[in-house]
C-alpha atoms as a PDB file:
ATOM      1  CA  UNK A   1      30.568 -75.169  15.099  1.00  0.00           C
ATOM      2  CA  UNK A   2      27.878 -72.713  14.538  1.00  0.00           C
ATOM      3  CA  UNK A   3      26.389 -72.295  10.961  1.00  0.00           C
ATOM      4  CA  UNK A   4      23.969 -69.892   9.869  1.00  0.00           C
ATOM      5  CA  UNK A   5      21.620 -70.744   6.908  1.00  0.00           C
ATOM      6  CA  UNK A   6      19.081 -68.317   5.536  1.00  0.00           C
ATOM      7  CA  UNK A   7      16.209 -68.921   2.990  1.00  0.00           C
ATOM      8  CA  UNK A   8      17.579 -67.852  -0.354  1.00  0.00           C
ATOM      9  CA  UNK A   9      21.272 -68.270   0.474  1.00  0.00           C
ATOM     10  CA  UNK A  10      23.728 -65.968   1.660  1.00  0.00           C
ATOM     11  CA  UNK A  11      22.960 -63.298  -0.861  1.00  0.00           C
ATOM     12  CA  UNK A  12      19.362 -63.104   0.812  1.00  0.00           C
ATOM     13  CA  UNK A  13      21.150 -61.208   3.612  1.00  0.00           C
ATOM     14  CA  UNK A  14      21.824 -58.248   1.360  1.00  0.00           C
ATOM     15  CA  UNK A  15      19.311 -58.721  -1.531  1.00  0.00           C
ATOM     16  CA  UNK A  16      15.579 -59.847  -1.317  1.00  0.00           C
ATOM     17  CA  UNK A  17      15.183 -63.251  -2.693  1.00  0.00           C
ATOM     18  CA  UNK A  18      11.464 -63.404  -3.475  1.00  0.00           C
ATOM     19  CA  UNK A  19       9.580 -66.422  -2.476  1.00  0.00           C
ATOM     20  CA  UNK A  20      12.549 -68.137  -0.853  1.00  0.00           C
ATOM     21  CA  UNK A  21      10.793 -68.758   2.611  1.00  0.00           C
ATOM     22  CA  UNK A  22       7.942 -70.427   0.813  1.00  0.00           C
ATOM     23  CA  UNK A  23      10.182 -73.031  -0.609  1.00  0.00           C
ATOM     24  CA  UNK A  24       9.576 -76.303   1.385  1.00  0.00           C
ATOM     25  CA  UNK A  25      11.784 -78.429  -0.799  1.00  0.00           C
ATOM     26  CA  UNK A  26      14.583 -76.111  -0.732  1.00  0.00           C
ATOM     27  CA  UNK A  27      14.386 -76.214   3.146  1.00  0.00           C
ATOM     28  CA  UNK A  28      14.733 -80.060   2.970  1.00  0.00           C
ATOM     29  CA  UNK A  29      17.769 -79.774   0.594  1.00  0.00           C
ATOM     30  CA  UNK A  30      19.553 -77.131   2.802  1.00  0.00           C
ATOM     31  CA  UNK A  31      18.992 -79.420   5.774  1.00  0.00           C
ATOM     32  CA  UNK A  32      20.592 -82.392   4.256  1.00  0.00           C
ATOM     33  CA  UNK A  33      23.860 -81.612   5.987  1.00  0.00           C
ATOM     34  CA  UNK A  34      22.396 -82.261   9.450  1.00  0.00           C
ATOM     35  CA  UNK A  35      23.228 -85.276  11.444  1.00  0.00           C
ATOM     36  CA  UNK A  36      22.144 -86.894  14.627  1.00  0.00           C
ATOM     37  CA  UNK A  37      25.183 -85.092  16.367  1.00  0.00           C
ATOM     38  CA  UNK A  38      23.624 -81.644  15.454  1.00  0.00           C
ATOM     39  CA  UNK A  39      21.050 -79.226  16.960  1.00  0.00           C
ATOM     40  CA  UNK A  40      18.978 -77.189  14.421  1.00  0.00           C
ATOM     41  CA  UNK A  41      17.517 -73.913  15.419  1.00  0.00           C
ATOM     42  CA  UNK A  42      14.692 -72.860  13.248  1.00  0.00           C
ATOM     43  CA  UNK A  43      14.348 -68.998  13.742  1.00  0.00           C
ATOM     44  CA  UNK A  44      11.073 -66.949  12.466  1.00  0.00           C
ATOM     45  CA  UNK A  45       9.068 -64.202  13.946  1.00  0.00           C
ATOM     46  CA  UNK A  46       5.768 -65.629  12.534  1.00  0.00           C
ATOM     47  CA  UNK A  47       6.996 -69.189  12.731  1.00  0.00           C
ATOM     48  CA  UNK A  48       5.233 -70.282   9.453  1.00  0.00           C
ATOM     49  CA  UNK A  49       7.687 -70.268   6.565  1.00  0.00           C
ATOM     50  CA  UNK A  50       7.351 -73.541   4.609  1.00  0.00           C
ATOM     51  CA  UNK A  51      11.113 -73.375   4.146  1.00  0.00           C
ATOM     52  CA  UNK A  52      11.660 -73.855   7.795  1.00  0.00           C
ATOM     53  CA  UNK A  53       8.996 -76.738   7.917  1.00  0.00           C
ATOM     54  CA  UNK A  54      11.110 -78.335   5.131  1.00  0.00           C
ATOM     55  CA  UNK A  55      14.247 -78.024   7.279  1.00  0.00           C
ATOM     56  CA  UNK A  56      12.542 -79.465  10.294  1.00  0.00           C
ATOM     57  CA  UNK A  57      11.185 -82.426   8.496  1.00  0.00           C
ATOM     58  CA  UNK A  58      14.552 -83.345   6.964  1.00  0.00           C
ATOM     59  CA  UNK A  59      16.302 -82.703  10.369  1.00  0.00           C
ATOM     60  CA  UNK A  60      13.972 -85.229  11.974  1.00  0.00           C
ATOM     61  CA  UNK A  61      14.604 -87.800   9.263  1.00  0.00           C
ATOM     62  CA  UNK A  62      18.364 -87.418   9.886  1.00  0.00           C
ATOM     63  CA  UNK A  63      17.865 -87.832  13.720  1.00  0.00           C
ATOM     64  CA  UNK A  64      18.829 -84.141  14.443  1.00  0.00           C
ATOM     65  CA  UNK A  65      17.589 -82.475  17.576  1.00  0.00           C
ATOM     66  CA  UNK A  66      15.432 -79.522  16.872  1.00  0.00           C
ATOM     67  CA  UNK A  67      14.535 -76.096  18.449  1.00  0.00           C
ATOM     68  CA  UNK A  68      11.897 -73.583  17.198  1.00  0.00           C
ATOM     69  CA  UNK A  69      12.345 -69.982  18.026  1.00  0.00           C
ATOM     70  CA  UNK A  70       9.494 -67.700  17.223  1.00  0.00           C
ATOM     71  CA  UNK A  71       7.287 -64.876  18.538  1.00  0.00           C
ATOM     72  CA  UNK A  72       3.996 -66.419  17.706  1.00  0.00           C
ATOM     73  CA  UNK A  73       2.433 -69.149  20.013  1.00  0.00           C
ATOM     74  CA  UNK A  74       0.356 -70.324  17.064  1.00  0.00           C
ATOM     75  CA  UNK A  75       3.481 -70.898  14.967  1.00  0.00           C
ATOM     76  CA  UNK A  76       3.645 -74.013  12.831  1.00  0.00           C
ATOM     77  CA  UNK A  77       7.358 -74.619  13.676  1.00  0.00           C
ATOM     78  CA  UNK A  78       6.390 -75.072  17.266  1.00  0.00           C
ATOM     79  CA  UNK A  79       4.412 -78.056  16.333  1.00  0.00           C
ATOM     80  CA  UNK A  80       7.234 -79.579  14.348  1.00  0.00           C
ATOM     81  CA  UNK A  81      10.223 -78.862  16.403  1.00  0.00           C
ATOM     82  CA  UNK A  82      11.305 -81.134  19.328  1.00  0.00           C
ATOM     83  CA  UNK A  83      11.610 -78.144  21.678  1.00  0.00           C
ATOM     84  CA  UNK A  84       9.867 -74.832  21.266  1.00  0.00           C
ATOM     85  CA  UNK A  85      10.867 -71.307  22.564  1.00  0.00           C
ATOM     86  CA  UNK A  86       8.120 -68.587  21.986  1.00  0.00           C
ATOM     87  CA  UNK A  87       8.742 -65.023  23.151  1.00  0.00           C
ATOM     88  CA  UNK A  88       5.763 -62.930  22.363  1.00  0.00           C
ATOM     89  CA  UNK A  89       6.540 -59.219  22.099  1.00  0.00           C
ATOM     90  CA  UNK A  90       3.198 -57.902  20.946  1.00  0.00           C
ATOM     91  CA  UNK A  91       2.427 -55.601  17.938  1.00  0.00           C
ATOM     92  CA  UNK A  92       5.466 -53.908  16.250  1.00  0.00           C
ATOM     93  CA  UNK A  93       5.627 -50.057  16.329  1.00  0.00           C
ATOM     94  CA  UNK A  94       5.381 -50.364  12.458  1.00  0.00           C
ATOM     95  CA  UNK A  95       2.728 -52.849  11.513  1.00  0.00           C
ATOM     96  CA  UNK A  96       3.959 -55.774   9.431  1.00  0.00           C
ATOM     97  CA  UNK A  97       7.640 -55.305  10.347  1.00  0.00           C
ATOM     98  CA  UNK A  98       9.404 -58.298  12.275  1.00  0.00           C
ATOM     99  CA  UNK A  99      12.772 -56.694  12.165  1.00  0.00           C
ATOM    100  CA  UNK A 100      12.219 -54.452  15.341  1.00  0.00           C
ATOM    101  CA  UNK A 101      11.086 -55.985  18.640  1.00  0.00           C
ATOM    102  CA  UNK A 102      10.998 -59.592  17.252  1.00  0.00           C
ATOM    103  CA  UNK A 103      14.454 -59.550  15.802  1.00  0.00           C
ATOM    104  CA  UNK A 104      15.871 -57.894  18.934  1.00  0.00           C
ATOM    105  CA  UNK A 105      14.452 -60.398  21.434  1.00  0.00           C
ATOM    106  CA  UNK A 106      15.271 -63.342  19.231  1.00  0.00           C
ATOM    107  CA  UNK A 107      18.956 -62.160  19.161  1.00  0.00           C
ATOM    108  CA  UNK A 108      18.933 -62.211  22.988  1.00  0.00           C
ATOM    109  CA  UNK A 109      17.585 -65.770  23.030  1.00  0.00           C
ATOM    110  CA  UNK A 110      20.260 -66.972  20.703  1.00  0.00           C
ATOM    111  CA  UNK A 111      22.842 -65.255  22.810  1.00  0.00           C
ATOM    112  CA  UNK A 112      21.604 -67.286  25.716  1.00  0.00           C
ATOM    113  CA  UNK A 113      21.616 -70.553  23.658  1.00  0.00           C
ATOM    114  CA  UNK A 114      25.122 -70.056  22.353  1.00  0.00           C
ATOM    115  CA  UNK A 115      26.634 -68.957  25.728  1.00  0.00           C
ATOM    116  CA  UNK A 116      25.162 -72.054  27.464  1.00  0.00           C
ATOM    117  CA  UNK A 117      26.558 -74.310  24.755  1.00  0.00           C
ATOM    118  CA  UNK A 118      30.018 -72.704  24.880  1.00  0.00           C
ATOM    119  CA  UNK A 119      29.949 -73.212  28.722  1.00  0.00           C
ATOM    120  CA  UNK A 120      28.841 -76.695  28.392  1.00  0.00           C
ATOM    121  CA  UNK A 121      31.506 -77.658  25.990  1.00  0.00           C
ATOM    122  CA  UNK A 122      34.390 -76.013  28.035  1.00  0.00           C
ATOM    123  CA  UNK A 123      34.916 -72.798  26.227  1.00  0.00           C
ATOM    124  CA  UNK A 124      34.664 -70.862  29.572  1.00  0.00           C
ATOM    125  CA  UNK A 125      35.934 -71.309  33.100  1.00  0.00           C
ATOM    126  CA  UNK A 126      33.927 -69.542  35.865  1.00  0.00           C
ATOM    127  CA  UNK A 127      33.180 -66.246  34.039  1.00  0.00           C
ATOM    128  CA  UNK A 128      36.204 -66.223  31.849  1.00  0.00           C
ATOM    129  CA  UNK A 129      36.354 -66.989  28.199  1.00  0.00           C
ATOM    130  CA  UNK A 130      39.422 -69.193  28.126  1.00  0.00           C
ATOM    131  CA  UNK A 131      39.455 -70.600  24.599  1.00  0.00           C
ATOM    132  CA  UNK A 132      40.324 -67.493  22.931  1.00  0.00           C
ATOM    133  CA  UNK A 133      43.197 -67.369  20.378  1.00  0.00           C
ATOM    134  CA  UNK A 134      45.464 -64.395  21.120  1.00  0.00           C
ATOM    135  CA  UNK A 135      46.028 -63.258  17.555  1.00  0.00           C
ATOM    136  CA  UNK A 136      46.681 -59.567  18.322  1.00  0.00           C
ATOM    137  CA  UNK A 137      47.958 -57.374  21.152  1.00  0.00           C
ATOM    138  CA  UNK A 138      44.424 -56.756  22.719  1.00  0.00           C
ATOM    139  CA  UNK A 139      43.763 -60.549  22.953  1.00  0.00           C
ATOM    140  CA  UNK A 140      47.253 -61.183  24.129  1.00  0.00           C
ATOM    141  CA  UNK A 141      46.678 -58.711  27.054  1.00  0.00           C
ATOM    142  CA  UNK A 142      43.291 -60.306  27.885  1.00  0.00           C
ATOM    143  CA  UNK A 143      45.053 -63.852  27.804  1.00  0.00           C
ATOM    144  CA  UNK A 144      47.708 -62.528  30.299  1.00  0.00           C
ATOM    145  CA  UNK A 145      45.069 -61.123  32.661  1.00  0.00           C
ATOM    146  CA  UNK A 146      42.810 -64.257  32.517  1.00  0.00           C
ATOM    147  CA  UNK A 147      45.903 -66.544  33.279  1.00  0.00           C
ATOM    148  CA  UNK A 148      46.926 -64.090  36.086  1.00  0.00           C
ATOM    149  CA  UNK A 149      43.507 -64.084  37.690  1.00  0.00           C
ATOM    150  CA  UNK A 150      42.703 -67.814  37.446  1.00  0.00           C
ATOM    151  CA  UNK A 151      46.127 -69.110  38.731  1.00  0.00           C
ATOM    152  CA  UNK A 152      46.775 -66.332  41.099  1.00  0.00           C
ATOM    153  CA  UNK A 153      50.070 -65.265  39.791  1.00  0.00           C
ATOM    154  CA  UNK A 154      51.679 -61.935  38.848  1.00  0.00           C
ATOM    155  CA  UNK A 155      51.185 -60.678  35.377  1.00  0.00           C
ATOM    156  CA  UNK A 156      54.831 -61.247  34.410  1.00  0.00           C
ATOM    157  CA  UNK A 157      54.559 -64.843  35.550  1.00  0.00           C
ATOM    158  CA  UNK A 158      51.302 -65.358  33.375  1.00  0.00           C
ATOM    159  CA  UNK A 159      53.105 -63.959  30.462  1.00  0.00           C
ATOM    160  CA  UNK A 160      56.225 -65.985  30.766  1.00  0.00           C
ATOM    161  CA  UNK A 161      54.000 -69.237  31.035  1.00  0.00           C
ATOM    162  CA  UNK A 162      51.813 -68.209  28.259  1.00  0.00           C
ATOM    163  CA  UNK A 163      54.881 -67.821  25.827  1.00  0.00           C
ATOM    164  CA  UNK A 164      56.130 -71.313  27.072  1.00  0.00           C
ATOM    165  CA  UNK A 165      52.686 -72.602  26.363  1.00  0.00           C
ATOM    166  CA  UNK A 166      52.397 -71.323  22.826  1.00  0.00           C
ATOM    167  CA  UNK A 167      49.903 -68.768  24.000  1.00  0.00           C
ATOM    168  CA  UNK A 168      47.429 -71.509  24.806  1.00  0.00           C
ATOM    169  CA  UNK A 169      45.477 -70.245  27.855  1.00  0.00           C
ATOM    170  CA  UNK A 170      44.289 -73.407  29.227  1.00  0.00           C
ATOM    171  CA  UNK A 171      47.622 -75.063  29.006  1.00  0.00           C
ATOM    172  CA  UNK A 172      49.167 -72.071  30.801  1.00  0.00           C
ATOM    173  CA  UNK A 173      46.718 -72.443  33.668  1.00  0.00           C
ATOM    174  CA  UNK A 174      47.372 -76.083  34.033  1.00  0.00           C
ATOM    175  CA  UNK A 175      51.013 -75.455  34.119  1.00  0.00           C
ATOM    176  CA  UNK A 176      50.785 -73.013  36.848  1.00  0.00           C
ATOM    177  CA  UNK A 177      48.068 -74.612  39.106  1.00  0.00           C
ATOM    178  CA  UNK A 178      49.367 -78.094  38.829  1.00  0.00           C
ATOM    179  CA  UNK A 179      53.010 -77.538  38.489  1.00  0.00           C
ATOM    180  CA  UNK A 180      53.202 -79.313  35.012  1.00  0.00           C
ATOM    181  CA  UNK A 181      55.334 -78.920  31.887  1.00  0.00           C
ATOM    182  CA  UNK A 182      53.630 -77.950  28.745  1.00  0.00           C
ATOM    183  CA  UNK A 183      53.387 -81.489  27.390  1.00  0.00           C
ATOM    184  CA  UNK A 184      51.972 -82.696  30.734  1.00  0.00           C
ATOM    185  CA  UNK A 185      49.419 -80.086  30.808  1.00  0.00           C
ATOM    186  CA  UNK A 186      48.304 -80.732  27.336  1.00  0.00           C
ATOM    187  CA  UNK A 187      48.012 -84.479  28.013  1.00  0.00           C
ATOM    188  CA  UNK A 188      45.962 -83.743  31.026  1.00  0.00           C
ATOM    189  CA  UNK A 189      43.674 -81.441  29.056  1.00  0.00           C
ATOM    190  CA  UNK A 190      43.495 -84.046  26.121  1.00  0.00           C
ATOM    191  CA  UNK A 191      42.163 -86.690  28.584  1.00  0.00           C
ATOM    192  CA  UNK A 192      39.442 -84.402  29.825  1.00  0.00           C
ATOM    193  CA  UNK A 193      38.354 -83.479  26.262  1.00  0.00           C
ATOM    194  CA  UNK A 194      39.831 -80.051  26.643  1.00  0.00           C
ATOM    195  CA  UNK A 195      37.573 -79.020  29.594  1.00  0.00           C
ATOM    196  CA  UNK A 196      39.553 -76.989  32.003  1.00  0.00           C
ATOM    197  CA  UNK A 197      37.439 -77.271  34.980  1.00  0.00           C
ATOM    198  CA  UNK A 198      37.194 -81.116  34.640  1.00  0.00           C
ATOM    199  CA  UNK A 199      41.002 -81.259  34.132  1.00  0.00           C
ATOM    200  CA  UNK A 200      41.653 -79.418  37.325  1.00  0.00           C
ATOM    201  CA  UNK A 201      39.086 -81.283  39.188  1.00  0.00           C
ATOM    202  CA  UNK A 202      40.460 -84.760  38.026  1.00  0.00           C
ATOM    203  CA  UNK A 203      44.104 -83.943  38.345  1.00  0.00           C
ATOM    204  CA  UNK A 204      45.479 -85.715  41.374  1.00  0.00           C
ATOM    205  CA  UNK A 205      46.107 -83.289  44.349  1.00  0.00           C
ATOM    206  CA  UNK A 206      44.057 -80.490  43.023  1.00  0.00           C
END
């Protein structure tokens, strides 16, 4: 759902790959995977790497929506992307470094983008993260508390329903709030693209 690509490939996360950010053609090649169903976010403090310009050119050719995230209002990627986000932070404490204030503020912006996207596609309900997979005791405890809070039932009831719902949080909530069986709850969710708030709103009598 979210894929991170860096100039120079995964090894560039740990080891320097000299000249990778200056490779326009590699940027185009790495962006071949993009389609008109995707959104590409080009991230750079300076906003001028040729690699990202290649990515944005190919993204446009493929009909992909594009966003540029930079800390430089004169950045070249702002001109090429469909939407631009510029968060200027001023000079770094250590001249020439972009891994301090710039890196921190860009991470905050990315948190906002991903949080908004997850809300939009139904991964949340109110302020709860409901699409979690309870794969350990901590997450199972969280799932129980979420179901208990949203459905307004005792913890013991939430636990029993979750077990009957194969530990699917949204299914358990639908079962409790709408008095449905597991199969009925799953069917209603399916008809509403898995979005709980939409399923609850559209279900007759809720």
